[in-house]
């Protein structure tokens, strides 16, 4: 998760919403991503999507059934759907996304009994650090004086 936080900081430095993800399988990092929709001119270039693409390429398989995705922020509905489609085993995330969360806050896509796969979800890992990074980013963009 610390590596995901480092990627989130890179995203913030590039002017992107600070979200970072690391995909691990067999004890090895097989994919990484940081939010990049502005840079890549791609609305699907979320950190999760980029990490999943790298991981699928690394394994030569679109099924990532033994992988764990570490993400600083709760995935949106698009990314949560991709986790299910890729058959990711476990999602570990830091902060909830109270506006757009697709895993806990607004929807429960990743482990919905309505779908053909359920992702194990672990939340709150380095949640305070993830939340603080997001708060600082948005406070700075809004011109708030409180960017502690």
Protein backbone atom coordinates (compact mmCIF):
# COMPACT_ATOMS: atom_id res chain seq x y z
CA UNK A 1 0.00 0.00 0.00
CA UNK A 2 2.93 2.34 0.58
CA UNK A 3 3.91 1.92 -3.05
CA UNK A 4 0.34 2.79 -4.05
CA UNK A 5 0.60 5.95 -1.94
CA UNK A 6 3.83 6.90 -3.72
CA UNK A 7 2.03 6.50 -7.06
CA UNK A 8 -0.83 8.65 -5.76
CA UNK A 9 1.68 11.37 -4.90
CA UNK A 10 3.03 11.15 -8.46
CA UNK A 11 -0.50 11.61 -9.77
CA UNK A 12 -0.99 14.69 -7.59
CA UNK A 13 2.30 16.16 -8.81
CA UNK A 14 1.05 15.71 -12.37
CA UNK A 15 -2.22 17.51 -11.55
CA UNK A 16 -4.27 14.31 -11.47
CA UNK A 17 -6.52 13.20 -8.62
CA UNK A 18 -4.08 11.41 -6.28
CA UNK A 19 -4.96 7.75 -6.61
CA UNK A 20 -2.40 4.98 -6.92
CA UNK A 21 -2.70 1.21 -7.26
CA UNK A 22 -0.40 -1.78 -7.13
CA UNK A 23 -1.42 -5.24 -8.36
CA UNK A 24 0.32 -8.22 -6.75
CA UNK A 25 0.23 -11.91 -7.67
CA UNK A 26 2.48 -14.66 -6.40
CA UNK A 27 4.23 -12.21 -4.10
CA UNK A 28 5.35 -10.06 -7.06
CA UNK A 29 4.15 -6.69 -8.32
CA UNK A 30 2.66 -7.35 -11.75
CA UNK A 31 0.97 -4.01 -12.35
CA UNK A 32 1.03 -0.40 -11.21
CA UNK A 33 -1.09 2.59 -12.01
CA UNK A 34 -1.71 6.16 -11.03
CA UNK A 35 -4.61 8.27 -12.13
CA UNK A 36 -3.83 9.61 -15.60
CA UNK A 37 -7.03 10.57 -17.47
CA UNK A 38 -5.89 14.16 -18.06
CA UNK A 39 -2.38 13.19 -19.17
CA UNK A 40 -3.54 10.31 -21.37
CA UNK A 41 -6.71 12.06 -22.62
CA UNK A 42 -8.53 8.90 -21.62
CA UNK A 43 -11.51 8.88 -19.24
CA UNK A 44 -10.79 5.23 -18.42
CA UNK A 45 -7.16 5.87 -17.36
CA UNK A 46 -7.90 5.39 -13.68
CA UNK A 47 -5.13 3.93 -11.54
CA UNK A 48 -7.00 0.63 -11.19
CA UNK A 49 -7.56 0.21 -14.92
CA UNK A 50 -3.90 0.86 -15.70
CA UNK A 51 -2.71 -1.59 -13.03
CA UNK A 52 -5.14 -4.27 -14.27
CA UNK A 53 -3.98 -3.81 -17.88
CA UNK A 54 -0.32 -4.17 -16.87
CA UNK A 55 -1.11 -7.20 -14.75
CA UNK A 56 -3.04 -8.95 -17.50
CA UNK A 57 -0.19 -8.29 -19.91
CA UNK A 58 2.40 -9.55 -17.38
CA UNK A 59 0.48 -12.80 -16.88
CA UNK A 60 -0.64 -13.09 -20.52
CA UNK A 61 -4.13 -13.62 -19.17
CA UNK A 62 -7.11 -11.34 -18.66
CA UNK A 63 -8.08 -13.41 -15.63
CA UNK A 64 -6.27 -12.24 -12.52
CA UNK A 65 -7.84 -14.76 -10.15
CA UNK A 66 -4.92 -14.94 -7.72
CA UNK A 67 -4.16 -11.22 -7.65
CA UNK A 68 -4.60 -8.60 -4.96
CA UNK A 69 -5.09 -4.95 -5.88
CA UNK A 70 -3.89 -2.35 -3.38
CA UNK A 71 -5.50 1.02 -4.00
CA UNK A 72 -5.41 4.27 -2.07
CA UNK A 73 -9.06 5.09 -2.80
CA UNK A 74 -12.20 2.99 -3.05
CA UNK A 75 -12.71 2.15 -6.74
CA UNK A 76 -15.45 3.83 -8.77
CA UNK A 77 -18.20 1.70 -10.37
CA UNK A 78 -16.22 1.34 -13.64
CA UNK A 79 -13.13 0.09 -11.84
CA UNK A 80 -15.13 -2.13 -9.48
CA UNK A 81 -16.73 -3.73 -12.53
CA UNK A 82 -13.30 -4.30 -14.04
CA UNK A 83 -12.16 -6.03 -10.84
CA UNK A 84 -15.09 -8.43 -11.15
CA UNK A 85 -14.50 -8.97 -14.89
CA UNK A 86 -10.81 -9.73 -14.23
CA UNK A 87 -11.73 -12.08 -11.37
CA UNK A 88 -9.35 -10.28 -8.98
CA UNK A 89 -9.21 -12.23 -5.72
CA UNK A 90 -8.77 -9.39 -3.21
CA UNK A 91 -9.09 -5.62 -3.12
CA UNK A 92 -7.35 -3.67 -0.36
CA UNK A 93 -8.13 0.03 -0.28
CA UNK A 94 -7.34 2.97 1.96
CA UNK A 95 -10.01 5.67 1.87
CA UNK A 96 -13.67 5.47 1.03
CA UNK A 97 -14.98 7.57 -1.86
CA UNK A 98 -18.19 8.92 -0.41
CA UNK A 99 -19.29 10.48 -3.73
CA UNK A 100 -18.46 7.80 -6.30
CA UNK A 101 -17.45 4.65 -4.41
CA UNK A 102 -18.37 1.49 -6.26
CA UNK A 103 -17.33 -1.00 -3.59
CA UNK A 104 -18.78 0.22 -0.29
CA UNK A 105 -19.88 3.87 -0.26
CA UNK A 106 -22.47 3.98 -3.06
CA UNK A 107 -22.55 0.49 -4.55
CA UNK A 108 -21.30 -2.95 -3.60
CA UNK A 109 -20.24 -4.07 -7.07
CA UNK A 110 -17.10 -6.00 -6.13
CA UNK A 111 -18.85 -8.51 -3.92
CA UNK A 112 -22.43 -8.30 -5.14
CA UNK A 113 -24.29 -11.61 -5.07
CA UNK A 114 -25.88 -10.55 -8.38
CA UNK A 115 -22.61 -10.96 -10.28
CA UNK A 116 -20.64 -14.04 -11.31
CA UNK A 117 -17.57 -13.24 -9.18
CA UNK A 118 -17.04 -11.74 -5.75
CA UNK A 119 -13.89 -9.88 -4.78
CA UNK A 120 -12.78 -10.07 -1.15
CA UNK A 121 -12.70 -6.48 0.13
CA UNK A 122 -10.45 -5.14 2.87
CA UNK A 123 -10.78 -1.45 3.59
CA UNK A 124 -9.06 1.17 5.69
CA UNK A 125 -5.43 0.10 5.18
CA UNK A 126 -3.39 3.32 5.46
CA UNK A 127 -6.75 5.07 5.20
CA UNK A 128 -5.68 8.14 7.16
CA UNK A 129 -2.70 8.74 4.87
CA UNK A 130 -4.81 8.20 1.76
CA UNK A 131 -7.51 10.56 3.01
CA UNK A 132 -5.01 13.26 3.97
CA UNK A 133 -3.39 13.13 0.52
CA UNK A 134 -6.78 13.59 -1.15
CA UNK A 135 -7.79 16.38 1.23
CA UNK A 136 -4.56 18.29 0.64
CA UNK A 137 -4.93 17.93 -3.12
CA UNK A 138 -8.51 19.22 -3.22
CA UNK A 139 -7.89 21.96 -0.65
CA UNK A 140 -4.99 23.25 -2.77
CA UNK A 141 -7.15 23.18 -5.91
CA UNK A 142 -9.91 25.08 -4.14
CA UNK A 143 -7.41 27.60 -2.77
CA UNK A 144 -8.09 26.65 0.84
CA UNK A 145 -5.61 27.90 3.41
CA UNK A 146 -5.82 24.62 5.34
CA UNK A 147 -3.47 22.31 3.41
CA UNK A 148 -1.75 20.77 6.45
